[in-house]
C-alpha atoms as a PDB file:
ATOM      1  CA  MET A   1      91.649 113.191  95.559  1.00  0.00           C
ATOM      2  CA  ALA A   2      92.260 109.952  97.355  1.00  0.00           C
ATOM      3  CA  ALA A   3      91.519 109.708 101.076  1.00  0.00           C
ATOM      4  CA  THR A   4      94.476 108.903 103.328  1.00  0.00           C
ATOM      5  CA  TYR A   5      93.752 105.973 105.621  1.00  0.00           C
ATOM      6  CA  ASN A   6      96.496 104.097 107.509  1.00  0.00           C
ATOM      7  CA  ILE A   7      96.010 100.410 108.279  1.00  0.00           C
ATOM      8  CA  THR A   8      97.657  97.840 110.524  1.00  0.00           C
ATOM      9  CA  ILE A   9      98.219  94.304 109.284  1.00  0.00           C
ATOM     10  CA  ASN A  10      99.293  91.499 111.626  1.00  0.00           C
ATOM     11  CA  GLN A  11     101.870  89.044 110.245  1.00  0.00           C
ATOM     12  CA  ASN A  12     100.722  85.380 110.105  1.00  0.00           C
ATOM     13  CA  ALA A  13      97.011  86.468 110.367  1.00  0.00           C
ATOM     14  CA  ASP A  14      94.237  87.031 107.821  1.00  0.00           C
ATOM     15  CA  PHE A  15      93.536  90.690 107.082  1.00  0.00           C
ATOM     16  CA  ARG A  16      90.214  92.167 105.977  1.00  0.00           C
ATOM     17  CA  ARG A  17      88.859  95.673 105.823  1.00  0.00           C
ATOM     18  CA  SER A  18      85.462  96.643 104.570  1.00  0.00           C
ATOM     19  CA  PHE A  19      84.551 100.002 103.082  1.00  0.00           C
ATOM     20  CA  GLN A  20      81.574 101.861 101.713  1.00  0.00           C
ATOM     21  CA  VAL A  21      81.829 104.167  98.694  1.00  0.00           C
ATOM     22  CA  LYS A  22      79.974 107.466  98.848  1.00  0.00           C
ATOM     23  CA  GLU A  23      79.854 110.278  96.390  1.00  0.00           C
ATOM     24  CA  ASN A  24      78.780 113.663  97.779  1.00  0.00           C
ATOM     25  CA  ASN A  25      77.607 111.828 100.920  1.00  0.00           C
ATOM     26  CA  VAL A  26      75.349 109.545  98.876  1.00  0.00           C
ATOM     27  CA  ILE A  27      76.000 105.792  98.739  1.00  0.00           C
ATOM     28  CA  LEU A  28      77.314 104.873  95.267  1.00  0.00           C
ATOM     29  CA  ASP A  29      75.927 101.671  93.686  1.00  0.00           C
ATOM     30  CA  ILE A  30      79.153  99.830  92.805  1.00  0.00           C
ATOM     31  CA  THR A  31      77.525  96.773  91.243  1.00  0.00           C
ATOM     32  CA  ASN A  32      79.725  95.830  88.244  1.00  0.00           C
ATOM     33  CA  TYR A  33      82.612  98.007  89.480  1.00  0.00           C
ATOM     34  CA  THR A  34      86.031  96.425  90.075  1.00  0.00           C
ATOM     35  CA  PHE A  35      88.566  97.171  92.774  1.00  0.00           C
ATOM     36  CA  SER A  36      92.253  96.510  93.045  1.00  0.00           C
ATOM     37  CA  GLY A  37      94.862  97.342  95.654  1.00  0.00           C
ATOM     38  CA  ARG A  38      98.590  96.935  96.058  1.00  0.00           C
ATOM     39  CA  LEU A  39     101.146  97.154  98.893  1.00  0.00           C
ATOM     40  CA  LYS A  40     104.819  97.951  98.479  1.00  0.00           C
ATOM     41  CA  SER A  41     107.598  98.261 101.010  1.00  0.00           C
ATOM     42  CA  SER A  42     108.348 101.628  99.331  1.00  0.00           C
ATOM     43  CA  PHE A  43     107.020 103.563  96.372  1.00  0.00           C
ATOM     44  CA  ASN A  44     110.073 102.682  94.303  1.00  0.00           C
ATOM     45  CA  ASP A  45     110.116  98.954  95.079  1.00  0.00           C
ATOM     46  CA  ASP A  46     109.600  96.673  92.096  1.00  0.00           C
ATOM     47  CA  SER A  47     108.042  93.904  94.207  1.00  0.00           C
ATOM     48  CA  TYR A  48     104.547  94.167  95.609  1.00  0.00           C
ATOM     49  CA  VAL A  49     101.677  92.287  97.246  1.00  0.00           C
ATOM     50  CA  ASP A  50      98.143  92.505  95.786  1.00  0.00           C
ATOM     51  CA  PHE A  51      95.013  92.712  97.957  1.00  0.00           C
ATOM     52  CA  THR A  52      92.090  90.479  97.024  1.00  0.00           C
ATOM     53  CA  ALA A  53      89.267  92.981  96.477  1.00  0.00           C
ATOM     54  CA  THR A  54      85.599  91.962  96.433  1.00  0.00           C
ATOM     55  CA  VAL A  55      82.346  93.845  96.019  1.00  0.00           C
ATOM     56  CA  THR A  56      80.284  92.561  98.965  1.00  0.00           C
ATOM     57  CA  ASP A  57      77.086  94.608  98.497  1.00  0.00           C
ATOM     58  CA  GLY A  58      77.020  96.594  95.278  1.00  0.00           C
ATOM     59  CA  PRO A  59      73.784  98.553  95.844  1.00  0.00           C
ATOM     60  CA  GLN A  60      75.049  99.588  99.305  1.00  0.00           C
ATOM     61  CA  GLY A  61      78.503 100.593  97.962  1.00  0.00           C
ATOM     62  CA  ALA A  62      80.294  97.941 100.069  1.00  0.00           C
ATOM     63  CA  PHE A  63      83.555  96.250  99.171  1.00  0.00           C
ATOM     64  CA  SER A  64      86.382  94.591 101.053  1.00  0.00           C
ATOM     65  CA  VAL A  65      90.087  94.013 100.654  1.00  0.00           C
ATOM     66  CA  ASP A  66      91.747  90.912 102.019  1.00  0.00           C
ATOM     67  CA  LEU A  67      95.123  89.276 102.539  1.00  0.00           C
ATOM     68  CA  ALA A  68      95.432  85.615 103.506  1.00  0.00           C
ATOM     69  CA  ASP A  69      97.510  84.598 106.483  1.00  0.00           C
ATOM     70  CA  THR A  70      99.829  82.626 104.216  1.00  0.00           C
ATOM     71  CA  LEU A  71     100.531  85.878 102.356  1.00  0.00           C
ATOM     72  CA  THR A  72     101.031  88.111 105.475  1.00  0.00           C
ATOM     73  CA  ALA A  73     103.454  85.437 106.754  1.00  0.00           C
ATOM     74  CA  THR A  74     105.768  86.215 103.816  1.00  0.00           C
ATOM     75  CA  MET A  75     105.751  90.007 104.298  1.00  0.00           C
ATOM     76  CA  LYS A  76     108.586  91.759 106.120  1.00  0.00           C
ATOM     77  CA  PRO A  77     107.462  93.684 109.217  1.00  0.00           C
ATOM     78  CA  GLY A  78     107.640  97.482 108.966  1.00  0.00           C
ATOM     79  CA  THR A  79     105.914 100.337 107.248  1.00  0.00           C
ATOM     80  CA  TRP A  80     104.590  99.706 103.774  1.00  0.00           C
ATOM     81  CA  VAL A  81     102.652 101.966 101.392  1.00  0.00           C
ATOM     82  CA  TYR A  82      99.392 100.985  99.643  1.00  0.00           C
ATOM     83  CA  ASP A  83      96.552 102.281  97.541  1.00  0.00           C
ATOM     84  CA  ILE A  84      93.137 101.057  96.350  1.00  0.00           C
ATOM     85  CA  ILE A  85      91.796 101.779  92.911  1.00  0.00           C
ATOM     86  CA  MET A  86      88.126 101.610  91.736  1.00  0.00           C
ATOM     87  CA  ALA A  87      87.204 101.105  88.085  1.00  0.00           C
ATOM     88  CA  ASP A  88      83.660 101.960  87.000  1.00  0.00           C
ATOM     89  CA  THR A  89      81.662 100.261  84.250  1.00  0.00           C
ATOM     90  CA  ASN A  90      83.319 102.493  81.622  1.00  0.00           C
ATOM     91  CA  GLY A  91      86.812 101.501  82.825  1.00  0.00           C
ATOM     92  CA  THR A  92      87.484 104.899  84.397  1.00  0.00           C
ATOM     93  CA  LYS A  93      89.872 104.375  87.359  1.00  0.00           C
ATOM     94  CA  THR A  94      89.778 106.396  90.542  1.00  0.00           C
ATOM     95  CA  ARG A  95      92.274 106.082  93.405  1.00  0.00           C
ATOM     96  CA  LEU A  96      89.945 105.829  96.427  1.00  0.00           C
ATOM     97  CA  MET A  97      92.436 105.674  99.184  1.00  0.00           C
ATOM     98  CA  GLN A  98      96.107 105.470 100.020  1.00  0.00           C
ATOM     99  CA  GLY A  99      98.269 105.435 103.069  1.00  0.00           C
ATOM    100  CA  ASN A 100     100.713 103.520 105.171  1.00  0.00           C
ATOM    101  CA  ALA A 101     100.275  99.874 106.135  1.00  0.00           C
ATOM    102  CA  PHE A 102     101.958  99.048 109.374  1.00  0.00           C
ATOM    103  CA  LEU A 103     102.908  95.380 109.277  1.00  0.00           C
ATOM    104  CA  LYS A 104     103.303  94.092 112.825  1.00  0.00           C
ATOM    105  CA  GLN A 105     105.595  91.129 113.397  1.00  0.00           C
ATOM    106  CA  GLY A 106     104.017  87.897 114.593  1.00  0.00           C
ATOM    107  CA  VAL A 107     105.312  85.071 116.744  1.00  0.00           C
ATOM    108  CA  THR A 108     102.865  82.227 116.034  1.00  0.00           C
ATOM    109  CA  PRO A 109     102.752  80.959 112.449  1.00  0.00           C
END
């Protein structure tokens, strides 16, 4: 079951969150794993924004998801939904986390 974790994203600013994957409280070596994540303004929306997901330290189970400021500038403020998927070396996909993404309106571009 995916963990629920709400995030806040500031419009017109870079966004980055780092995570560590554990299985039964043991750090999982995620070297050669892939990650993807997507945001939507609602579950039924056809349009979406993809996170850039990067393994930052495979043996320590660390990865990050990012959005560039140029991308957050195009997003409408409000409550979005998101999830992050992990694919292991066999291609098995696991939804790691999901939740609301609160996009806060910015003033300065």
